[in-house]
Amino acid sequence: MIKGFRSQLLAGKTLYGTMLTLPSAAVAEILADAGFDWLFIDCEHGTIEIRDIQNILQAVGHRIACIVRIPECSEGTIKRVLDAGAQGIIVPQVNSASIAQEAVRCARYAPIGERGVGIGRAQGYGARFSDYVRDANDEVVVIVQAEHRDAVSSIEDIVAVPGLDCILLGPYDLSASFNRMGQIHDPEVVAAIDRVLQCCRGRQIPTGYFGVTAETVLEYKKRGCSLLVSGVDVTFLSNGSVRMYKNMTEKTN
């Protein structure tokens, strides 16, 4: 883990990240070299498994914060991801305070939570067990996503859950829950996002935002979001290859 990442998040420092969906340590190294503050490792969609997570963490986890979006709020998955050495977890589709409470329970050691005690890469395979257990509650990040209209309706209860570090807005799933797929600027969707932002400001809970483009993300930086994630590894590859092909063919035709 990267020491101090959680304290920077809680202090409201702007942290720039990008999304990794390919099960590739090499791609993770390329993204880490680009200068981002953190990597959003996506295990909700795509084919990344726990063994891939450990390979990625072994490659870059010592120099960039790696936060894993798990497929669902599962105690077994949370334990395995954190024991592999992830900086923290992102839990999707958290639509109630009870799910947020379960995420905290599984990710925090006692007395804050009930995280199971095991030995893995995070604990130096036992060599740094005491140090890790001592520091984990201060360093591991617990983030939940508000990406459904039900989450918006319950946001006051969700942000009141102790041990929660950040609310990450998921604008595309949120728009879909209003039957406006992809219409992230629809007034009803924007109003829902505003409600989340206002509630988090009132409780001094950091907020995050995902956007396909930097321009979209920076718009929400102005509105107070500090945990920012823009771009996806596969779109970098797709856009770059298409652009190169067009450049080549336009100059030869």
C-alpha atoms as a PDB file:
ATOM      1  CA  MET A   1       0.000   0.000   0.000  1.00  0.00           C
ATOM      2  CA  ILE A   2       0.947   3.631  -0.443  1.00  0.00           C
ATOM      3  CA  LYS A   3       1.220   5.226   2.983  1.00  0.00           C
ATOM      4  CA  GLY A   4      -0.818   8.395   3.362  1.00  0.00           C
ATOM      5  CA  PHE A   5      -3.172   7.942   0.399  1.00  0.00           C
ATOM      6  CA  ARG A   6      -6.223   7.663   2.640  1.00  0.00           C
ATOM      7  CA  SER A   7      -5.244  10.727   4.660  1.00  0.00           C
ATOM      8  CA  GLN A   8      -4.857  12.707   1.418  1.00  0.00           C
ATOM      9  CA  LEU A   9      -8.304  11.552   0.301  1.00  0.00           C
ATOM     10  CA  LEU A  10      -9.923  12.496   3.602  1.00  0.00           C
ATOM     11  CA  ALA A  11      -8.174  15.886   3.519  1.00  0.00           C
ATOM     12  CA  GLY A  12      -9.796  16.647   0.166  1.00  0.00           C
ATOM     13  CA  LYS A  13      -6.680  16.540  -1.985  1.00  0.00           C
ATOM     14  CA  THR A  14      -7.460  16.129  -5.675  1.00  0.00           C
ATOM     15  CA  LEU A  15      -6.355  12.645  -6.734  1.00  0.00           C
ATOM     16  CA  TYR A  16      -6.282  11.762 -10.437  1.00  0.00           C
ATOM     17  CA  GLY A  17      -6.835   8.201 -11.584  1.00  0.00           C
ATOM     18  CA  THR A  18      -7.660   6.068 -14.580  1.00  0.00           C
ATOM     19  CA  MET A  19      -9.332   2.698 -15.071  1.00  0.00           C
ATOM     20  CA  LEU A  20      -7.624  -0.635 -15.674  1.00  0.00           C
ATOM     21  CA  THR A  21      -9.850  -3.371 -17.119  1.00  0.00           C
ATOM     22  CA  LEU A  22      -7.288  -5.635 -18.783  1.00  0.00           C
ATOM     23  CA  PRO A  23      -5.692  -8.407 -16.679  1.00  0.00           C
ATOM     24  CA  SER A  24      -2.211  -7.154 -17.526  1.00  0.00           C
ATOM     25  CA  ALA A  25       0.607  -6.063 -15.241  1.00  0.00           C
ATOM     26  CA  ALA A  26       2.328  -4.522 -18.276  1.00  0.00           C
ATOM     27  CA  VAL A  27      -0.636  -2.242 -18.973  1.00  0.00           C
ATOM     28  CA  ALA A  28      -0.709  -1.302 -15.287  1.00  0.00           C
ATOM     29  CA  GLU A  29       2.973  -0.325 -15.514  1.00  0.00           C
ATOM     30  CA  ILE A  30       2.295   1.858 -18.553  1.00  0.00           C
ATOM     31  CA  LEU A  31      -0.553   3.657 -16.778  1.00  0.00           C
ATOM     32  CA  ALA A  32       1.476   4.059 -13.594  1.00  0.00           C
ATOM     33  CA  ASP A  33       4.303   5.631 -15.606  1.00  0.00           C
ATOM     34  CA  ALA A  34       1.867   8.211 -17.001  1.00  0.00           C
ATOM     35  CA  GLY A  35       1.818   9.979 -13.636  1.00  0.00           C
ATOM     36  CA  PHE A  36      -1.630   9.169 -12.225  1.00  0.00           C
ATOM     37  CA  ASP A  37      -2.132   9.177  -8.444  1.00  0.00           C
ATOM     38  CA  TRP A  38      -4.147   5.954  -8.412  1.00  0.00           C
ATOM     39  CA  LEU A  39      -5.433   3.088 -10.502  1.00  0.00           C
ATOM     40  CA  PHE A  40      -9.074   2.002 -10.566  1.00  0.00           C
ATOM     41  CA  ILE A  41      -8.794  -1.777 -11.078  1.00  0.00           C
ATOM     42  CA  ASP A  42     -12.169  -2.906 -12.366  1.00  0.00           C
ATOM     43  CA  CYS A  43     -13.283  -6.407 -11.386  1.00  0.00           C
ATOM     44  CA  GLU A  44     -16.995  -5.660 -11.729  1.00  0.00           C
ATOM     45  CA  HIS A  45     -16.785  -5.786 -15.523  1.00  0.00           C
ATOM     46  CA  GLY A  46     -14.206  -7.613 -17.609  1.00  0.00           C
ATOM     47  CA  THR A  47     -12.014 -10.597 -16.828  1.00  0.00           C
ATOM     48  CA  ILE A  48      -9.672  -9.519 -14.005  1.00  0.00           C
ATOM     49  CA  GLU A  49      -9.474 -12.212 -11.316  1.00  0.00           C
ATOM     50  CA  ILE A  50      -7.745 -12.351  -7.917  1.00  0.00           C
ATOM     51  CA  ARG A  51      -4.553 -13.817  -9.385  1.00  0.00           C
ATOM     52  CA  ASP A  52      -4.422 -10.974 -11.919  1.00  0.00           C
ATOM     53  CA  ILE A  53      -4.920  -8.462  -9.108  1.00  0.00           C
ATOM     54  CA  GLN A  54      -1.938  -9.852  -7.235  1.00  0.00           C
ATOM     55  CA  ASN A  55       0.220  -9.740 -10.378  1.00  0.00           C
ATOM     56  CA  ILE A  56      -0.781  -6.121 -10.966  1.00  0.00           C
ATOM     57  CA  LEU A  57      -0.073  -5.196  -7.359  1.00  0.00           C
ATOM     58  CA  GLN A  58       3.323  -6.890  -7.481  1.00  0.00           C
ATOM     59  CA  ALA A  59       4.156  -4.816 -10.550  1.00  0.00           C
ATOM     60  CA  VAL A  60       2.940  -1.357  -9.464  1.00  0.00           C
ATOM     61  CA  GLY A  61       1.366  -1.467  -6.000  1.00  0.00           C
ATOM     62  CA  HIS A  62       4.532  -0.093  -4.373  1.00  0.00           C
ATOM     63  CA  ARG A  63       4.448   3.115  -6.436  1.00  0.00           C
ATOM     64  CA  ILE A  64       0.804   3.903  -7.161  1.00  0.00           C
ATOM     65  CA  ALA A  65      -2.329   3.424  -5.082  1.00  0.00           C
ATOM     66  CA  CYS A  66      -4.363   0.535  -6.526  1.00  0.00           C
ATOM     67  CA  ILE A  67      -8.028   0.466  -5.561  1.00  0.00           C
ATOM     68  CA  VAL A  68     -10.100  -2.498  -6.687  1.00  0.00           C
ATOM     69  CA  ARG A  69     -13.740  -2.292  -7.685  1.00  0.00           C
ATOM     70  CA  ILE A  70     -15.122  -5.620  -6.549  1.00  0.00           C
ATOM     71  CA  PRO A  71     -18.035  -7.287  -8.375  1.00  0.00           C
ATOM     72  CA  GLU A  72     -20.343  -7.028  -5.360  1.00  0.00           C
ATOM     73  CA  CYS A  73     -20.262  -6.535  -1.609  1.00  0.00           C
ATOM     74  CA  SER A  74     -18.924  -9.980  -0.748  1.00  0.00           C
ATOM     75  CA  GLU A  75     -16.973 -10.690   2.445  1.00  0.00           C
ATOM     76  CA  GLY A  76     -14.850 -13.359   0.779  1.00  0.00           C
ATOM     77  CA  THR A  77     -13.915 -11.116  -2.144  1.00  0.00           C
ATOM     78  CA  ILE A  78     -13.083  -8.170   0.104  1.00  0.00           C
ATOM     79  CA  LYS A  79     -10.781 -10.298   2.273  1.00  0.00           C
ATOM     80  CA  ARG A  80      -8.935 -11.742  -0.707  1.00  0.00           C
ATOM     81  CA  VAL A  81      -8.486  -8.393  -2.457  1.00  0.00           C
ATOM     82  CA  LEU A  82      -7.191  -6.641   0.653  1.00  0.00           C
ATOM     83  CA  ASP A  83      -4.969  -9.549   1.679  1.00  0.00           C
ATOM     84  CA  ALA A  84      -3.416  -9.355  -1.796  1.00  0.00           C
ATOM     85  CA  GLY A  85      -2.323  -5.816  -0.879  1.00  0.00           C
ATOM     86  CA  ALA A  86      -4.865  -3.519  -2.531  1.00  0.00           C
ATOM     87  CA  GLN A  87      -5.025   0.045  -1.254  1.00  0.00           C
ATOM     88  CA  GLY A  88      -8.751  -0.321  -0.837  1.00  0.00           C
ATOM     89  CA  ILE A  89     -12.048  -1.300  -2.372  1.00  0.00           C
ATOM     90  CA  ILE A  90     -14.763   0.328  -4.444  1.00  0.00           C
ATOM     91  CA  VAL A  91     -18.157  -1.283  -3.883  1.00  0.00           C
ATOM     92  CA  PRO A  92     -20.661  -0.882  -6.743  1.00  0.00           C
ATOM     93  CA  GLN A  93     -24.418  -0.421  -6.480  1.00  0.00           C
ATOM     94  CA  VAL A  94     -24.544   0.571  -2.828  1.00  0.00           C
ATOM     95  CA  ASN A  95     -28.189   1.553  -2.593  1.00  0.00           C
ATOM     96  CA  SER A  96     -28.681   1.400   1.167  1.00  0.00           C
ATOM     97  CA  ALA A  97     -26.883   2.086   4.425  1.00  0.00           C
ATOM     98  CA  SER A  98     -26.948  -1.626   5.264  1.00  0.00           C
ATOM     99  CA  ILE A  99     -24.768  -2.463   2.248  1.00  0.00           C
ATOM    100  CA  ALA A 100     -22.364   0.340   3.142  1.00  0.00           C
ATOM    101  CA  GLN A 101     -22.192  -0.993   6.712  1.00  0.00           C
ATOM    102  CA  GLU A 102     -21.395  -4.471   5.407  1.00  0.00           C
ATOM    103  CA  ALA A 103     -18.567  -3.104   3.249  1.00  0.00           C
ATOM    104  CA  VAL A 104     -17.020  -1.344   6.247  1.00  0.00           C
ATOM    105  CA  ARG A 105     -17.489  -4.401   8.458  1.00  0.00           C
ATOM    106  CA  CYS A 106     -15.636  -6.629   5.999  1.00  0.00           C
ATOM    107  CA  ALA A 107     -12.840  -4.147   5.194  1.00  0.00           C
ATOM    108  CA  ARG A 108     -11.935  -2.900   8.672  1.00  0.00           C
ATOM    109  CA  TYR A 109     -10.261  -4.875  11.426  1.00  0.00           C
ATOM    110  CA  ALA A 110     -11.773  -4.862  14.928  1.00  0.00           C
ATOM    111  CA  PRO A 111     -12.837  -2.810  16.765  1.00  0.00           C
ATOM    112  CA  ILE A 112     -14.120  -0.800  13.765  1.00  0.00           C
ATOM    113  CA  GLY A 113     -15.148  -3.840  11.733  1.00  0.00           C
ATOM    114  CA  GLU A 114     -14.839  -7.605  11.586  1.00  0.00           C
ATOM    115  CA  ARG A 115     -12.319  -8.178   8.800  1.00  0.00           C
ATOM    116  CA  GLY A 116     -10.979 -11.705   8.949  1.00  0.00           C
ATOM    117  CA  VAL A 117      -7.356 -12.086   9.998  1.00  0.00           C
ATOM    118  CA  GLY A 118      -5.225 -13.954   7.484  1.00  0.00           C
ATOM    119  CA  ILE A 119      -1.728 -14.013   6.073  1.00  0.00           C
ATOM    120  CA  GLY A 120      -1.063 -12.972   2.492  1.00  0.00           C
ATOM    121  CA  ARG A 121       0.951 -10.616   0.372  1.00  0.00           C
ATOM    122  CA  ALA A 122      -0.376  -7.539   2.217  1.00  0.00           C
ATOM    123  CA  GLN A 123       1.130  -8.812   5.450  1.00  0.00           C
ATOM    124  CA  GLY A 124       4.464  -9.702   3.849  1.00  0.00           C
ATOM    125  CA  TYR A 125       3.371 -13.354   3.942  1.00  0.00           C
ATOM    126  CA  GLY A 126       3.599 -13.074   7.717  1.00  0.00           C
ATOM    127  CA  ALA A 127       6.865 -11.141   7.997  1.00  0.00           C
ATOM    128  CA  ARG A 128       5.112  -7.779   8.474  1.00  0.00           C
ATOM    129  CA  PHE A 129       1.878  -9.086   9.979  1.00  0.00           C
ATOM    130  CA  SER A 130       1.844  -6.930  13.137  1.00  0.00           C
ATOM    131  CA  ASP A 131       2.712  -3.734  11.265  1.00  0.00           C
ATOM    132  CA  TYR A 132       0.044  -4.301   8.648  1.00  0.00           C
ATOM    133  CA  VAL A 133      -2.716  -5.106  11.143  1.00  0.00           C
ATOM    134  CA  ARG A 134      -1.726  -2.050  13.202  1.00  0.00           C
ATOM    135  CA  ASP A 135      -1.895   0.336  10.223  1.00  0.00           C
ATOM    136  CA  ALA A 136      -4.584  -1.175   7.973  1.00  0.00           C
ATOM    137  CA  ASN A 137      -7.589   0.677   9.404  1.00  0.00           C
ATOM    138  CA  ASP A 138      -5.745   3.966   8.863  1.00  0.00           C
ATOM    139  CA  GLU A 139      -4.536   3.157   5.340  1.00  0.00           C
ATOM    140  CA  VAL A 140      -7.178   0.990   3.632  1.00  0.00           C
ATOM    141  CA  VAL A 141      -9.743   3.016   1.672  1.00  0.00           C
ATOM    142  CA  VAL A 142     -13.427   2.082   1.618  1.00  0.00           C
ATOM    143  CA  ILE A 143     -15.349   3.719  -1.234  1.00  0.00           C
ATOM    144  CA  VAL A 144     -18.957   3.052  -2.204  1.00  0.00           C
ATOM    145  CA  GLN A 145     -20.652   3.996  -5.427  1.00  0.00           C
ATOM    146  CA  ALA A 146     -23.827   6.051  -5.685  1.00  0.00           C
ATOM    147  CA  GLU A 147     -25.000   4.971  -9.110  1.00  0.00           C
ATOM    148  CA  HIS A 148     -28.704   4.282  -8.757  1.00  0.00           C
ATOM    149  CA  ARG A 149     -31.733   6.388  -7.950  1.00  0.00           C
ATOM    150  CA  ASP A 150     -32.244   4.251  -4.819  1.00  0.00           C
ATOM    151  CA  ALA A 151     -28.775   5.271  -3.604  1.00  0.00           C
ATOM    152  CA  VAL A 152     -29.728   8.902  -4.097  1.00  0.00           C
ATOM    153  CA  SER A 153     -32.906   8.398  -2.073  1.00  0.00           C
ATOM    154  CA  SER A 154     -30.866   6.811   0.749  1.00  0.00           C
ATOM    155  CA  ILE A 155     -27.786   9.025   0.524  1.00  0.00           C
ATOM    156  CA  GLU A 156     -28.280  10.709   3.917  1.00  0.00           C
ATOM    157  CA  ASP A 157     -28.240   7.305   5.641  1.00  0.00           C
ATOM    158  CA  ILE A 158     -25.348   6.006   3.528  1.00  0.00           C
ATOM    159  CA  VAL A 159     -22.979   8.885   4.276  1.00  0.00           C
ATOM    160  CA  ALA A 160     -23.720   8.536   8.004  1.00  0.00           C
ATOM    161  CA  VAL A 161     -22.088   5.081   8.089  1.00  0.00           C
ATOM    162  CA  PRO A 162     -18.901   5.241  10.227  1.00  0.00           C
ATOM    163  CA  GLY A 163     -15.724   4.065   8.523  1.00  0.00           C
ATOM    164  CA  LEU A 164     -16.811   5.094   5.033  1.00  0.00           C
ATOM    165  CA  ASP A 165     -14.209   7.208   3.204  1.00  0.00           C
ATOM    166  CA  CYS A 166     -15.741   8.406  -0.059  1.00  0.00           C
ATOM    167  CA  ILE A 167     -18.811   8.352  -2.290  1.00  0.00           C
ATOM    168  CA  LEU A 168     -17.980   7.730  -5.951  1.00  0.00           C
ATOM    169  CA  LEU A 169     -20.622   8.863  -8.403  1.00  0.00           C
ATOM    170  CA  GLY A 170     -21.382   6.532 -11.297  1.00  0.00           C
ATOM    171  CA  PRO A 171     -23.171   8.816 -13.769  1.00  0.00           C
ATOM    172  CA  TYR A 172     -23.853   6.255 -16.482  1.00  0.00           C
ATOM    173  CA  ASP A 173     -25.533   3.633 -14.307  1.00  0.00           C
ATOM    174  CA  LEU A 174     -27.296   6.458 -12.491  1.00  0.00           C
ATOM    175  CA  SER A 175     -28.725   7.762 -15.749  1.00  0.00           C
ATOM    176  CA  ALA A 176     -29.834   4.237 -16.659  1.00  0.00           C
ATOM    177  CA  SER A 177     -31.729   3.919 -13.363  1.00  0.00           C
ATOM    178  CA  PHE A 178     -33.788   6.937 -14.469  1.00  0.00           C
ATOM    179  CA  ASN A 179     -34.402   5.267 -17.865  1.00  0.00           C
ATOM    180  CA  ARG A 180     -32.108   7.813 -19.502  1.00  0.00           C
ATOM    181  CA  MET A 181     -29.171   5.636 -20.480  1.00  0.00           C
ATOM    182  CA  GLY A 182     -26.072   7.734 -21.105  1.00  0.00           C
ATOM    183  CA  GLN A 183     -27.936  11.029 -20.732  1.00  0.00           C
ATOM    184  CA  ILE A 184     -25.717  12.248 -17.912  1.00  0.00           C
ATOM    185  CA  HIS A 185     -26.695  15.887 -18.495  1.00  0.00           C
ATOM    186  CA  ASP A 186     -30.428  15.197 -18.234  1.00  0.00           C
ATOM    187  CA  PRO A 187     -31.922  17.575 -15.630  1.00  0.00           C
ATOM    188  CA  GLU A 188     -33.239  14.735 -13.443  1.00  0.00           C
ATOM    189  CA  VAL A 189     -29.864  12.987 -13.450  1.00  0.00           C
ATOM    190  CA  VAL A 190     -28.029  16.229 -12.716  1.00  0.00           C
ATOM    191  CA  ALA A 191     -30.443  16.953  -9.875  1.00  0.00           C
ATOM    192  CA  ALA A 192     -29.750  13.527  -8.397  1.00  0.00           C
ATOM    193  CA  ILE A 193     -25.996  14.133  -8.581  1.00  0.00           C
ATOM    194  CA  ASP A 194     -26.473  17.553  -6.976  1.00  0.00           C
ATOM    195  CA  ARG A 195     -28.333  15.949  -4.081  1.00  0.00           C
ATOM    196  CA  VAL A 196     -25.456  13.534  -3.476  1.00  0.00           C
ATOM    197  CA  LEU A 197     -22.868  16.308  -3.672  1.00  0.00           C
ATOM    198  CA  GLN A 198     -24.808  18.547  -1.309  1.00  0.00           C
ATOM    199  CA  CYS A 199     -25.287  15.764   1.216  1.00  0.00           C
ATOM    200  CA  CYS A 200     -21.602  14.797   1.126  1.00  0.00           C
ATOM    201  CA  ARG A 201     -20.535  18.414   1.567  1.00  0.00           C
ATOM    202  CA  GLY A 202     -22.758  18.671   4.607  1.00  0.00           C
ATOM    203  CA  ARG A 203     -21.176  15.576   6.159  1.00  0.00           C
ATOM    204  CA  GLN A 204     -17.655  16.429   4.912  1.00  0.00           C
ATOM    205  CA  ILE A 205     -17.431  13.142   3.008  1.00  0.00           C
ATOM    206  CA  PRO A 206     -15.139  13.237  -0.067  1.00  0.00           C
ATOM    207  CA  THR A 207     -16.790  12.594  -3.406  1.00  0.00           C
ATOM    208  CA  GLY A 208     -15.450  11.093  -6.608  1.00  0.00           C
ATOM    209  CA  TYR A 209     -16.533  11.122 -10.226  1.00  0.00           C
ATOM    210  CA  PHE A 210     -15.890   8.958 -13.271  1.00  0.00           C
ATOM    211  CA  GLY A 211     -15.923  10.447 -16.733  1.00  0.00           C
ATOM    212  CA  VAL A 212     -14.902   9.212 -20.141  1.00  0.00           C
ATOM    213  CA  THR A 213     -13.137  12.475 -20.937  1.00  0.00           C
ATOM    214  CA  ALA A 214     -10.930  14.756 -18.874  1.00  0.00           C
ATOM    215  CA  GLU A 215     -13.219  17.688 -19.646  1.00  0.00           C
ATOM    216  CA  THR A 216     -16.202  15.960 -18.029  1.00  0.00           C
ATOM    217  CA  VAL A 217     -14.234  15.050 -14.928  1.00  0.00           C
ATOM    218  CA  LEU A 218     -12.760  18.525 -14.522  1.00  0.00           C
ATOM    219  CA  GLU A 219     -16.281  19.956 -14.655  1.00  0.00           C
ATOM    220  CA  TYR A 220     -17.020  17.970 -11.484  1.00  0.00           C
ATOM    221  CA  LYS A 221     -13.735  18.939  -9.896  1.00  0.00           C
ATOM    222  CA  LYS A 222     -15.091  22.499  -9.948  1.00  0.00           C
ATOM    223  CA  ARG A 223     -18.168  21.192  -8.147  1.00  0.00           C
ATOM    224  CA  GLY A 224     -16.123  19.725  -5.316  1.00  0.00           C
ATOM    225  CA  CYS A 225     -15.238  16.184  -6.406  1.00  0.00           C
ATOM    226  CA  SER A 226     -11.679  15.304  -5.437  1.00  0.00           C
ATOM    227  CA  LEU A 227     -11.317  11.599  -6.325  1.00  0.00           C
ATOM    228  CA  LEU A 228     -11.291  11.728 -10.109  1.00  0.00           C
ATOM    229  CA  VAL A 229     -11.061   8.931 -12.633  1.00  0.00           C
ATOM    230  CA  SER A 230     -11.018   9.456 -16.379  1.00  0.00           C
ATOM    231  CA  GLY A 231     -10.349   7.145 -19.280  1.00  0.00           C
ATOM    232  CA  VAL A 232     -10.146   3.370 -19.651  1.00  0.00           C
ATOM    233  CA  ASP A 233      -7.185   1.305 -20.793  1.00  0.00           C
ATOM    234  CA  VAL A 234      -9.073  -0.283 -23.699  1.00  0.00           C
ATOM    235  CA  THR A 235     -10.278   3.079 -25.007  1.00  0.00           C
ATOM    236  CA  PHE A 236      -6.729   4.435 -24.876  1.00  0.00           C
ATOM    237  CA  LEU A 237      -5.654   1.505 -27.059  1.00  0.00           C
ATOM    238  CA  SER A 238      -8.668   1.712 -29.351  1.00  0.00           C
ATOM    239  CA  ASN A 239      -8.529   5.468 -29.864  1.00  0.00           C
ATOM    240  CA  GLY A 240      -4.787   5.495 -30.343  1.00  0.00           C
ATOM    241  CA  SER A 241      -4.790   2.680 -32.882  1.00  0.00           C
ATOM    242  CA  VAL A 242      -7.672   4.191 -34.874  1.00  0.00           C
ATOM    243  CA  ARG A 243      -5.932   7.562 -34.897  1.00  0.00           C
ATOM    244  CA  MET A 244      -2.660   5.997 -36.067  1.00  0.00           C
ATOM    245  CA  TYR A 245      -4.412   4.052 -38.833  1.00  0.00           C
ATOM    246  CA  LYS A 246      -6.178   7.195 -40.069  1.00  0.00           C
ATOM    247  CA  ASN A 247      -2.940   9.146 -40.041  1.00  0.00           C
ATOM    248  CA  MET A 248      -1.196   6.431 -42.041  1.00  0.00           C
ATOM    249  CA  THR A 249      -3.934   5.923 -44.634  1.00  0.00           C
ATOM    250  CA  GLU A 250      -4.720   9.622 -45.086  1.00  0.00           C
ATOM    251  CA  LYS A 251      -1.073  10.307 -45.921  1.00  0.00           C
ATOM    252  CA  THR A 252      -0.810   7.452 -48.412  1.00  0.00           C
ATOM    253  CA  ASN A 253      -4.083   7.966 -50.310  1.00  0.00           C
END
